[in-house]
Structure formats: structure tokens, C-alpha cells
Amino acid sequence: MGETGQEVLYLQYLSEKKVPVSVKLRDGECVAGWIEYFDDRMIRLTREGKPNLFIYKQQIQVISELPRRGDETRRRARRTAEVEALSPEDAR
């Protein structure tokens, strides 16, 4: 069905970097963790303090990245630096 190979690259990135993700299933349930393993039919979602899950890809509606620890702090610091860089005339 017109696959581009980008799915594998993206899942590989998520897995290697242990990016926290939210997986929304076709039945509406959402589960969170990081993708430890994947193949052409399933992913293994590793969760802290909860059982790990093997999820068939056909059951997945969407995978979304969750903010990582420190991301919001870095964003806030960047915004503050940008505002401070403005001259008083620009801030008006």
C-alpha cells in the first residue's frame, strides 16, 4: 500500500532514543511507554512499573511522542532568552 520505508526509520529512532510515546489503539485505549522492539507486525511497549505490552500494528491507530523530561524547561528558557534579546522598542 504505497509504503515509503519511513515507518521503519521513525520506529528505529523512537526505539534507539527511548522516546516516550503514547499509543492510541483502535478501541480508543491509550497506553504510554517507550518502544523497545518492533518488527513488521508488532511493537513492544516498555512501561515503568507496569507490564510491558506486545501490540500488533493493526491494532494501533496512532503513535504520538510525549514530552521528555526537561523539554518544557528548555522551551521556557529559550522563550525567556528570546524575549530578553528584544530591545524595549521591540517588546511594545
C-alpha atoms as a PDB file:
ATOM      1  CA  MET A   1       0.000   0.000   0.000  1.00  0.00           C
ATOM      2  CA  GLY A   2       2.494   2.643  -1.061  1.00  0.00           C
ATOM      3  CA  GLU A   3       4.883   2.261   1.873  1.00  0.00           C
ATOM      4  CA  THR A   4       7.890   4.570   1.816  1.00  0.00           C
ATOM      5  CA  GLY A   5      10.050   2.870   4.433  1.00  0.00           C
ATOM      6  CA  GLN A   6       9.742   5.892   6.698  1.00  0.00           C
ATOM      7  CA  GLU A   7       7.837   3.885   9.324  1.00  0.00           C
ATOM      8  CA  VAL A   8      10.893   1.715   9.996  1.00  0.00           C
ATOM      9  CA  LEU A   9      13.206   4.730  10.264  1.00  0.00           C
ATOM     10  CA  TYR A  10      10.845   6.529  12.638  1.00  0.00           C
ATOM     11  CA  LEU A  11      10.278   3.485  14.867  1.00  0.00           C
ATOM     12  CA  GLN A  12      14.036   2.882  14.893  1.00  0.00           C
ATOM     13  CA  TYR A  13      14.614   6.482  16.040  1.00  0.00           C
ATOM     14  CA  LEU A  14      11.946   6.174  18.769  1.00  0.00           C
ATOM     15  CA  SER A  15      13.447   2.886  19.938  1.00  0.00           C
ATOM     16  CA  GLU A  16      17.110   3.932  19.930  1.00  0.00           C
ATOM     17  CA  LYS A  17      16.444   7.226  21.740  1.00  0.00           C
ATOM     18  CA  LYS A  18      13.894   5.638  24.114  1.00  0.00           C
ATOM     19  CA  VAL A  19      11.477   8.445  23.265  1.00  0.00           C
ATOM     20  CA  PRO A  20       8.384   8.354  25.496  1.00  0.00           C
ATOM     21  CA  VAL A  21       5.299   7.723  23.376  1.00  0.00           C
ATOM     22  CA  SER A  22       1.558   7.422  23.725  1.00  0.00           C
ATOM     23  CA  VAL A  23      -0.019   4.661  21.654  1.00  0.00           C
ATOM     24  CA  LYS A  24      -3.709   5.080  20.879  1.00  0.00           C
ATOM     25  CA  LEU A  25      -5.332   1.801  19.991  1.00  0.00           C
ATOM     26  CA  ARG A  26      -8.227   1.341  17.580  1.00  0.00           C
ATOM     27  CA  ASP A  27     -10.578   0.627  20.500  1.00  0.00           C
ATOM     28  CA  GLY A  28      -9.777   4.076  21.965  1.00  0.00           C
ATOM     29  CA  GLU A  29      -7.481   2.905  24.758  1.00  0.00           C
ATOM     30  CA  CYS A  30      -4.214   4.834  25.198  1.00  0.00           C
ATOM     31  CA  VAL A  31      -1.062   3.324  26.658  1.00  0.00           C
ATOM     32  CA  ALA A  32       2.267   5.051  27.294  1.00  0.00           C
ATOM     33  CA  GLY A  33       5.861   3.881  27.409  1.00  0.00           C
ATOM     34  CA  TRP A  34       8.759   3.590  25.002  1.00  0.00           C
ATOM     35  CA  ILE A  35       9.215   1.263  22.043  1.00  0.00           C
ATOM     36  CA  GLU A  36      11.888  -1.253  22.975  1.00  0.00           C
ATOM     37  CA  TYR A  37      11.436  -3.542  19.983  1.00  0.00           C
ATOM     38  CA  PHE A  38       9.450  -3.675  16.749  1.00  0.00           C
ATOM     39  CA  ASP A  39       9.140  -5.793  13.659  1.00  0.00           C
ATOM     40  CA  ASP A  40       6.887  -5.784  10.613  1.00  0.00           C
ATOM     41  CA  ARG A  41       3.813  -6.894  12.629  1.00  0.00           C
ATOM     42  CA  MET A  42       4.145  -5.606  16.203  1.00  0.00           C
ATOM     43  CA  ILE A  43       5.826  -3.306  18.711  1.00  0.00           C
ATOM     44  CA  ARG A  44       6.939  -3.997  22.257  1.00  0.00           C
ATOM     45  CA  LEU A  45       5.972  -1.106  24.513  1.00  0.00           C
ATOM     46  CA  THR A  46       8.064  -0.974  27.684  1.00  0.00           C
ATOM     47  CA  ARG A  47       6.386   0.708  30.652  1.00  0.00           C
ATOM     48  CA  GLU A  48       7.724   1.703  34.061  1.00  0.00           C
ATOM     49  CA  GLY A  49       6.008  -0.052  36.944  1.00  0.00           C
ATOM     50  CA  LYS A  50       3.556  -1.832  34.634  1.00  0.00           C
ATOM     51  CA  PRO A  51       3.727  -4.932  32.453  1.00  0.00           C
ATOM     52  CA  ASN A  52       5.339  -4.492  29.044  1.00  0.00           C
ATOM     53  CA  LEU A  53       2.981  -4.882  26.092  1.00  0.00           C
ATOM     54  CA  PHE A  54       3.294  -6.544  22.707  1.00  0.00           C
ATOM     55  CA  ILE A  55       0.913  -4.669  20.410  1.00  0.00           C
ATOM     56  CA  TYR A  56       0.034  -5.725  16.869  1.00  0.00           C
ATOM     57  CA  LYS A  57       0.450  -2.794  14.467  1.00  0.00           C
ATOM     58  CA  GLN A  58      -3.021  -3.450  13.031  1.00  0.00           C
ATOM     59  CA  GLN A  59      -4.423  -2.535  16.471  1.00  0.00           C
ATOM     60  CA  ILE A  60      -2.627   0.860  16.530  1.00  0.00           C
ATOM     61  CA  GLN A  61      -4.462   3.989  15.465  1.00  0.00           C
ATOM     62  CA  VAL A  62      -1.661   6.487  16.180  1.00  0.00           C
ATOM     63  CA  ILE A  63       1.695   6.796  17.975  1.00  0.00           C
ATOM     64  CA  SER A  64       2.482  10.221  19.452  1.00  0.00           C
ATOM     65  CA  GLU A  65       5.691  11.409  21.079  1.00  0.00           C
ATOM     66  CA  LEU A  66       5.301  12.568  24.672  1.00  0.00           C
ATOM     67  CA  PRO A  67       7.330  15.472  26.068  1.00  0.00           C
ATOM     68  CA  ARG A  68      10.613  14.296  27.550  1.00  0.00           C
ATOM     69  CA  ARG A  69      11.818  15.357  30.957  1.00  0.00           C
ATOM     70  CA  GLY A  70      13.362  18.795  30.691  1.00  0.00           C
ATOM     71  CA  ASP A  71      11.819  19.619  27.302  1.00  0.00           C
ATOM     72  CA  GLU A  72       9.408  22.184  28.772  1.00  0.00           C
ATOM     73  CA  THR A  73      12.193  23.728  30.871  1.00  0.00           C
ATOM     74  CA  ARG A  74      14.389  24.108  27.778  1.00  0.00           C
ATOM     75  CA  ARG A  75      11.481  25.620  25.812  1.00  0.00           C
ATOM     76  CA  ARG A  76      10.749  28.104  28.599  1.00  0.00           C
ATOM     77  CA  ALA A  77      14.427  29.084  28.846  1.00  0.00           C
ATOM     78  CA  ARG A  78      14.614  29.575  25.069  1.00  0.00           C
ATOM     79  CA  ARG A  79      11.480  31.767  25.096  1.00  0.00           C
ATOM     80  CA  THR A  80      12.851  33.816  28.005  1.00  0.00           C
ATOM     81  CA  ALA A  81      16.161  34.324  26.189  1.00  0.00           C
ATOM     82  CA  GLU A  82      14.306  35.418  23.047  1.00  0.00           C
ATOM     83  CA  VAL A  83      12.209  37.931  24.983  1.00  0.00           C
ATOM     84  CA  GLU A  84      15.273  39.300  26.803  1.00  0.00           C
ATOM     85  CA  ALA A  85      17.045  39.705  23.462  1.00  0.00           C
ATOM     86  CA  LEU A  86      14.318  42.050  22.257  1.00  0.00           C
ATOM     87  CA  SER A  87      15.024  45.722  22.684  1.00  0.00           C
ATOM     88  CA  PRO A  88      12.447  47.702  24.710  1.00  0.00           C
ATOM     89  CA  GLU A  89      11.086  49.153  21.471  1.00  0.00           C
ATOM     90  CA  ASP A  90      10.506  45.659  20.024  1.00  0.00           C
ATOM     91  CA  ALA A  91       8.742  44.462  23.159  1.00  0.00           C
ATOM     92  CA  ARG A  92       5.930  47.012  22.766  1.00  0.00           C
END
